[in-house]
Amino acid sequence: MSLNQNWELKIDKIIFKKLSRLPKKDVERIFVTIEFLAQNPYSGDIEKIKGEDSAWRRRIGSYRIFYDIKQDERIVQVTWVERRTSKTY
């Protein structure tokens, strides 16, 4: 597996609506991290979601980015961003 090639990044539309409600400083940090996922979706503070084939989460401060990795197609699909609570990974 070569991590030198970029991955295609897809972001669900609901993410933009969710991020529009967050503080600008946090949104900037989240977008930088999402862009970095296209370079290497396996780096950083990540954890595979138990019971799911291709679902992962990455921690960014008090937020979590949830995404799927489609290895064969080299696609990273960002599915959800959520502020960490006692019910969040």
Foldseek 3Di string as FASTA:
>chain_A
DDLQDFFAEAEDPVAVVVLVPDDPVVSVQVVVVSVCCRRPVPDAQKDADPPDDFWMWHDDPQKIWIWGADPVRRYIYTYDMDGHDPPDD
